[in-house]
PDB file of N, CA and C in Angstrom:
ATOM      1  N   MET A   1       0.849  -1.170   0.000  1.00  0.00           N
ATOM      2  CA  MET A   1       0.000   0.000   0.000  1.00  0.00           C
ATOM      3  C   MET A   1       0.901   1.241   0.000  1.00  0.00           C
ATOM      4  N   SER A   2       0.738   2.079  -0.980  1.00  0.00           N
ATOM      5  CA  SER A   2       1.568   3.281  -1.101  1.00  0.00           C
ATOM      6  C   SER A   2       1.025   4.400  -0.227  1.00  0.00           C
ATOM      7  N   LYS A   3       1.851   5.419  -0.014  1.00  0.00           N
ATOM      8  CA  LYS A   3       1.429   6.578   0.767  1.00  0.00           C
ATOM      9  C   LYS A   3       0.208   7.224   0.133  1.00  0.00           C
ATOM     10  N   GLU A   4       0.203   7.308  -1.191  1.00  0.00           N
ATOM     11  CA  GLU A   4      -0.922   7.915  -1.906  1.00  0.00           C
ATOM     12  C   GLU A   4      -2.208   7.127  -1.670  1.00  0.00           C
ATOM     13  N   SER A   5      -2.099   5.792  -1.682  1.00  0.00           N
ATOM     14  CA  SER A   5      -3.305   4.986  -1.483  1.00  0.00           C
ATOM     15  C   SER A   5      -3.797   5.083  -0.043  1.00  0.00           C
ATOM     16  N   LEU A   6      -2.897   5.322   0.913  1.00  0.00           N
ATOM     17  CA  LEU A   6      -3.321   5.517   2.301  1.00  0.00           C
ATOM     18  C   LEU A   6      -4.089   6.821   2.461  1.00  0.00           C
ATOM     19  N   LEU A   7      -3.748   7.822   1.654  1.00  0.00           N
ATOM     20  CA  LEU A   7      -4.404   9.126   1.737  1.00  0.00           C
ATOM     21  C   LEU A   7      -5.703   9.183   0.937  1.00  0.00           C
ATOM     22  N   GLU A   8      -5.851   8.254   0.024  1.00  0.00           N
ATOM     23  CA  GLU A   8      -7.025   8.225  -0.845  1.00  0.00           C
ATOM     24  C   GLU A   8      -8.312   8.068  -0.042  1.00  0.00           C
ATOM     25  N   GLY A   9      -9.288   8.898  -0.334  1.00  0.00           N
ATOM     26  CA  GLY A   9     -10.577   8.807   0.322  1.00  0.00           C
ATOM     27  C   GLY A   9     -10.663   9.466   1.690  1.00  0.00           C
ATOM     28  N   LEU A  10      -9.572  10.114   2.123  1.00  0.00           N
ATOM     29  CA  LEU A  10      -9.589  10.811   3.404  1.00  0.00           C
ATOM     30  C   LEU A  10      -9.861  12.291   3.185  1.00  0.00           C
ATOM     31  N   ASN A  11     -10.593  12.890   4.105  1.00  0.00           N
ATOM     32  CA  ASN A  11     -10.809  14.331   4.007  1.00  0.00           C
ATOM     33  C   ASN A  11      -9.584  15.064   4.565  1.00  0.00           C
ATOM     34  N   PRO A  12      -9.492  16.379   4.427  1.00  0.00           N
ATOM     35  CA  PRO A  12      -8.301  17.113   4.876  1.00  0.00           C
ATOM     36  C   PRO A  12      -7.953  16.900   6.355  1.00  0.00           C
ATOM     37  N   GLU A  13      -8.948  16.858   7.226  1.00  0.00           N
ATOM     38  CA  GLU A  13      -8.685  16.657   8.649  1.00  0.00           C
ATOM     39  C   GLU A  13      -8.147  15.252   8.922  1.00  0.00           C
ATOM     40  N   GLN A  14      -8.697  14.254   8.227  1.00  0.00           N
ATOM     41  CA  GLN A  14      -8.217  12.883   8.381  1.00  0.00           C
ATOM     42  C   GLN A  14      -6.787  12.756   7.869  1.00  0.00           C
ATOM     43  N   ARG A  15      -6.493  13.411   6.759  1.00  0.00           N
ATOM     44  CA  ARG A  15      -5.120  13.393   6.217  1.00  0.00           C
ATOM     45  C   ARG A  15      -4.141  14.023   7.199  1.00  0.00           C
ATOM     46  N   GLU A  16      -4.562  15.122   7.805  1.00  0.00           N
ATOM     47  CA  GLU A  16      -3.699  15.796   8.783  1.00  0.00           C
ATOM     48  C   GLU A  16      -3.396  14.855   9.960  1.00  0.00           C
ATOM     49  N   ALA A  17      -4.403  14.157  10.452  1.00  0.00           N
ATOM     50  CA  ALA A  17      -4.207  13.219  11.561  1.00  0.00           C
ATOM     51  C   ALA A  17      -3.290  12.072  11.138  1.00  0.00           C
ATOM     52  N   LEU A  18      -3.445  11.599   9.923  1.00  0.00           N
ATOM     53  CA  LEU A  18      -2.619  10.504   9.429  1.00  0.00           C
ATOM     54  C   LEU A  18      -1.157  10.902   9.327  1.00  0.00           C
ATOM     55  N   LEU A  19      -0.899  12.086   8.834  1.00  0.00           N
ATOM     56  CA  LEU A  19       0.479  12.514   8.572  1.00  0.00           C
ATOM     57  C   LEU A  19       1.186  13.125   9.778  1.00  0.00           C
ATOM     58  N   TYR A  20       0.448  13.433  10.833  1.00  0.00           N
ATOM     59  CA  TYR A  20       1.030  14.038  12.030  1.00  0.00           C
ATOM     60  C   TYR A  20       1.881  13.005  12.763  1.00  0.00           C
ATOM     61  N   LEU A  21       3.169  13.282  12.956  1.00  0.00           N
ATOM     62  CA  LEU A  21       4.075  12.301  13.558  1.00  0.00           C
ATOM     63  C   LEU A  21       4.782  12.820  14.803  1.00  0.00           C
ATOM     64  N   GLU A  22       4.417  13.974  15.298  1.00  0.00           N
ATOM     65  CA  GLU A  22       5.089  14.542  16.461  1.00  0.00           C
ATOM     66  C   GLU A  22       4.518  13.936  17.744  1.00  0.00           C
ATOM     67  N   SER A  23       4.332  14.773  18.734  1.00  0.00           N
ATOM     68  CA  SER A  23       3.844  14.305  20.034  1.00  0.00           C
ATOM     69  C   SER A  23       2.468  13.649  19.889  1.00  0.00           C
ATOM     70  N   PRO A  24       1.960  13.056  20.978  1.00  0.00           N
ATOM     71  CA  PRO A  24       0.636  12.420  20.882  1.00  0.00           C
ATOM     72  C   PRO A  24      -0.413  13.363  20.296  1.00  0.00           C
ATOM     73  N   LEU A  25      -1.343  12.766  19.592  1.00  0.00           N
ATOM     74  CA  LEU A  25      -2.383  13.528  18.909  1.00  0.00           C
ATOM     75  C   LEU A  25      -3.748  13.050  19.397  1.00  0.00           C
ATOM     76  N   LEU A  26      -4.580  13.977  19.811  1.00  0.00           N
ATOM     77  CA  LEU A  26      -5.947  13.667  20.216  1.00  0.00           C
ATOM     78  C   LEU A  26      -6.867  14.014  19.052  1.00  0.00           C
ATOM     79  N   VAL A  27      -7.637  13.037  18.622  1.00  0.00           N
ATOM     80  CA  VAL A  27      -8.577  13.256  17.531  1.00  0.00           C
ATOM     81  C   VAL A  27      -9.984  13.154  18.100  1.00  0.00           C
ATOM     82  N   LEU A  28     -10.720  14.245  18.035  1.00  0.00           N
ATOM     83  CA  LEU A  28     -12.112  14.258  18.487  1.00  0.00           C
ATOM     84  C   LEU A  28     -13.008  14.194  17.263  1.00  0.00           C
ATOM     85  N   ALA A  29     -13.911  13.218  17.253  1.00  0.00           N
ATOM     86  CA  ALA A  29     -14.774  13.047  16.094  1.00  0.00           C
ATOM     87  C   ALA A  29     -16.066  12.369  16.509  1.00  0.00           C
ATOM     88  N   CYS A  30     -17.124  12.658  15.788  1.00  0.00           N
ATOM     89  CA  CYS A  30     -18.416  12.050  16.093  1.00  0.00           C
ATOM     90  C   CYS A  30     -18.513  10.663  15.444  1.00  0.00           C
ATOM     91  N   ALA A  31     -19.505   9.923  15.863  1.00  0.00           N
ATOM     92  CA  ALA A  31     -19.719   8.573  15.342  1.00  0.00           C
ATOM     93  C   ALA A  31     -19.891   8.602  13.822  1.00  0.00           C
ATOM     94  N   GLY A  32     -19.245   7.645  13.158  1.00  0.00           N
ATOM     95  CA  GLY A  32     -19.391   7.531  11.713  1.00  0.00           C
ATOM     96  C   GLY A  32     -18.525   8.464  10.905  1.00  0.00           C
ATOM     97  N   SER A  33     -17.583   9.137  11.556  1.00  0.00           N
ATOM     98  CA  SER A  33     -16.754  10.107  10.829  1.00  0.00           C
ATOM     99  C   SER A  33     -15.432   9.529  10.339  1.00  0.00           C
ATOM    100  N   GLY A  34     -15.191   8.245  10.563  1.00  0.00           N
ATOM    101  CA  GLY A  34     -14.004   7.599  10.011  1.00  0.00           C
ATOM    102  C   GLY A  34     -12.832   7.459  10.961  1.00  0.00           C
ATOM    103  N   GLN A  35     -13.075   7.451  12.279  1.00  0.00           N
ATOM    104  CA  GLN A  35     -11.970   7.323  13.227  1.00  0.00           C
ATOM    105  C   GLN A  35     -11.199   6.019  13.027  1.00  0.00           C
ATOM    106  N   THR A  36     -11.917   4.905  12.885  1.00  0.00           N
ATOM    107  CA  THR A  36     -11.249   3.613  12.725  1.00  0.00           C
ATOM    108  C   THR A  36     -10.428   3.595  11.438  1.00  0.00           C
ATOM    109  N   LYS A  37     -10.960   4.171  10.388  1.00  0.00           N
ATOM    110  CA  LYS A  37     -10.230   4.233   9.114  1.00  0.00           C
ATOM    111  C   LYS A  37      -8.932   5.015   9.285  1.00  0.00           C
ATOM    112  N   VAL A  38      -9.002   6.146   9.981  1.00  0.00           N
ATOM    113  CA  VAL A  38      -7.803   6.958  10.198  1.00  0.00           C
ATOM    114  C   VAL A  38      -6.784   6.187  11.032  1.00  0.00           C
ATOM    115  N   ILE A  39      -7.235   5.536  12.095  1.00  0.00           N
ATOM    116  CA  ILE A  39      -6.317   4.779  12.947  1.00  0.00           C
ATOM    117  C   ILE A  39      -5.670   3.644  12.167  1.00  0.00           C
ATOM    118  N   ALA A  40      -6.464   2.910  11.398  1.00  0.00           N
ATOM    119  CA  ALA A  40      -5.919   1.799  10.611  1.00  0.00           C
ATOM    120  C   ALA A  40      -4.923   2.296   9.569  1.00  0.00           C
ATOM    121  N   HIS A  41      -5.248   3.386   8.890  1.00  0.00           N
ATOM    122  CA  HIS A  41      -4.347   3.930   7.873  1.00  0.00           C
ATOM    123  C   HIS A  41      -3.093   4.526   8.508  1.00  0.00           C
ATOM    124  N   LYS A  42      -3.235   5.154   9.668  1.00  0.00           N
ATOM    125  CA  LYS A  42      -2.075   5.719  10.365  1.00  0.00           C
ATOM    126  C   LYS A  42      -1.136   4.592  10.791  1.00  0.00           C
ATOM    127  N   PHE A  43      -1.704   3.530  11.317  1.00  0.00           N
ATOM    128  CA  PHE A  43      -0.903   2.383  11.706  1.00  0.00           C
ATOM    129  C   PHE A  43      -0.142   1.813  10.507  1.00  0.00           C
ATOM    130  N   ALA A  44      -0.831   1.640   9.383  1.00  0.00           N
ATOM    131  CA  ALA A  44      -0.181   1.128   8.168  1.00  0.00           C
ATOM    132  C   ALA A  44       0.927   2.068   7.715  1.00  0.00           C
ATOM    133  N   HIS A  45       0.684   3.361   7.791  1.00  0.00           N
ATOM    134  CA  HIS A  45       1.685   4.356   7.395  1.00  0.00           C
ATOM    135  C   HIS A  45       2.925   4.269   8.296  1.00  0.00           C
ATOM    136  N   LEU A  46       2.717   4.167   9.604  1.00  0.00           N
ATOM    137  CA  LEU A  46       3.843   4.088  10.538  1.00  0.00           C
ATOM    138  C   LEU A  46       4.651   2.812  10.339  1.00  0.00           C
ATOM    139  N   VAL A  47       3.968   1.698  10.116  1.00  0.00           N
ATOM    140  CA  VAL A  47       4.677   0.443   9.879  1.00  0.00           C
ATOM    141  C   VAL A  47       5.423   0.513   8.553  1.00  0.00           C
ATOM    142  N   LYS A  48       4.764   1.051   7.519  1.00  0.00           N
ATOM    143  CA  LYS A  48       5.379   1.131   6.187  1.00  0.00           C
ATOM    144  C   LYS A  48       6.618   2.026   6.195  1.00  0.00           C
ATOM    145  N   THR A  49       6.571   3.112   6.962  1.00  0.00           N
ATOM    146  CA  THR A  49       7.717   4.024   7.025  1.00  0.00           C
ATOM    147  C   THR A  49       8.713   3.595   8.098  1.00  0.00           C
ATOM    148  N   LYS A  50       8.467   2.427   8.696  1.00  0.00           N
ATOM    149  CA  LYS A  50       9.364   1.806   9.667  1.00  0.00           C
ATOM    150  C   LYS A  50       9.559   2.638  10.933  1.00  0.00           C
ATOM    151  N   LYS A  51       8.525   3.370  11.331  1.00  0.00           N
ATOM    152  CA  LYS A  51       8.588   4.134  12.576  1.00  0.00           C
ATOM    153  C   LYS A  51       8.524   3.187  13.780  1.00  0.00           C
ATOM    154  N   PHE A  52       7.859   2.049  13.624  1.00  0.00           N
ATOM    155  CA  PHE A  52       7.842   1.015  14.649  1.00  0.00           C
ATOM    156  C   PHE A  52       7.362  -0.299  14.038  1.00  0.00           C
ATOM    157  N   PRO A  53       7.772  -1.423  14.637  1.00  0.00           N
ATOM    158  CA  PRO A  53       7.363  -2.728  14.108  1.00  0.00           C
ATOM    159  C   PRO A  53       5.908  -3.049  14.455  1.00  0.00           C
ATOM    160  N   TYR A  54       5.212  -3.676  13.532  1.00  0.00           N
ATOM    161  CA  TYR A  54       3.794  -3.972  13.734  1.00  0.00           C
ATOM    162  C   TYR A  54       3.556  -4.855  14.952  1.00  0.00           C
ATOM    163  N   ASN A  55       4.460  -5.761  15.268  1.00  0.00           N
ATOM    164  CA  ASN A  55       4.229  -6.679  16.380  1.00  0.00           C
ATOM    165  C   ASN A  55       4.357  -6.007  17.741  1.00  0.00           C
ATOM    166  N   SER A  56       4.795  -4.761  17.780  1.00  0.00           N
ATOM    167  CA  SER A  56       4.868  -4.052  19.057  1.00  0.00           C
ATOM    168  C   SER A  56       3.520  -3.452  19.435  1.00  0.00           C
ATOM    169  N   VAL A  57       2.565  -3.457  18.529  1.00  0.00           N
ATOM    170  CA  VAL A  57       1.268  -2.844  18.780  1.00  0.00           C
ATOM    171  C   VAL A  57       0.151  -3.874  18.789  1.00  0.00           C
ATOM    172  N   LEU A  58       0.246  -4.867  17.958  1.00  0.00           N
ATOM    173  CA  LEU A  58      -0.843  -5.847  17.815  1.00  0.00           C
ATOM    174  C   LEU A  58      -0.812  -6.871  18.943  1.00  0.00           C
ATOM    175  N   THR A  59      -1.278  -6.451  20.125  1.00  0.00           N
ATOM    176  CA  THR A  59      -1.206  -7.327  21.284  1.00  0.00           C
ATOM    177  C   THR A  59      -2.558  -7.545  21.955  1.00  0.00           C
ATOM    178  N   SER A  60      -3.636  -7.138  21.341  1.00  0.00           N
ATOM    179  CA  SER A  60      -4.954  -7.284  21.950  1.00  0.00           C
ATOM    180  C   SER A  60      -5.968  -7.697  20.896  1.00  0.00           C
ATOM    181  N   PRO A  61      -7.208  -7.923  21.295  1.00  0.00           N
ATOM    182  CA  PRO A  61      -8.248  -8.288  20.314  1.00  0.00           C
ATOM    183  C   PRO A  61      -8.562  -7.164  19.320  1.00  0.00           C
ATOM    184  N   SER A  62      -8.159  -5.949  19.612  1.00  0.00           N
ATOM    185  CA  SER A  62      -8.459  -4.816  18.728  1.00  0.00           C
ATOM    186  C   SER A  62      -8.027  -5.033  17.283  1.00  0.00           C
ATOM    187  N   PRO A  63      -6.829  -5.581  17.033  1.00  0.00           N
ATOM    188  CA  PRO A  63      -6.434  -5.782  15.629  1.00  0.00           C
ATOM    189  C   PRO A  63      -7.392  -6.663  14.856  1.00  0.00           C
ATOM    190  N   ILE A  64      -8.020  -7.616  15.529  1.00  0.00           N
ATOM    191  CA  ILE A  64      -8.983  -8.482  14.852  1.00  0.00           C
ATOM    192  C   ILE A  64     -10.168  -7.649  14.391  1.00  0.00           C
ATOM    193  N   ARG A  65     -10.633  -6.754  15.248  1.00  0.00           N
ATOM    194  CA  ARG A  65     -11.742  -5.882  14.867  1.00  0.00           C
ATOM    195  C   ARG A  65     -11.323  -4.940  13.748  1.00  0.00           C
ATOM    196  N   LEU A  66     -10.102  -4.392  13.828  1.00  0.00           N
ATOM    197  CA  LEU A  66      -9.628  -3.491  12.764  1.00  0.00           C
ATOM    198  C   LEU A  66      -9.515  -4.238  11.444  1.00  0.00           C
ATOM    199  N   ARG A  67      -8.990  -5.460  11.495  1.00  0.00           N
ATOM    200  CA  ARG A  67      -8.797  -6.243  10.286  1.00  0.00           C
ATOM    201  C   ARG A  67     -10.130  -6.486   9.574  1.00  0.00           C
ATOM    202  N   SER A  68     -11.207  -6.648  10.348  1.00  0.00           N
ATOM    203  CA  SER A  68     -12.504  -6.938   9.746  1.00  0.00           C
ATOM    204  C   SER A  68     -13.117  -5.716   9.072  1.00  0.00           C
ATOM    205  N   ARG A  69     -12.588  -4.521   9.351  1.00  0.00           N
ATOM    206  CA  ARG A  69     -13.113  -3.303   8.740  1.00  0.00           C
ATOM    207  C   ARG A  69     -12.335  -3.028   7.492  1.00  0.00           C
TER     208      ARG A  69
END
């Protein structure tokens, strides 16, 4: 998955959240606004750019739920 494909279909605010790599980021959003999509794409972006290994995060049932989306 390329960087361009990760950004595809995201609105400007979602893109900003995806590309933000500094200190922790709080994203406030209402139901149905794409929070899970942003988190999944951000995770893929961080793993793809080698900011951290995927196995350091996938330690709970949450990845199963993310994978199904």
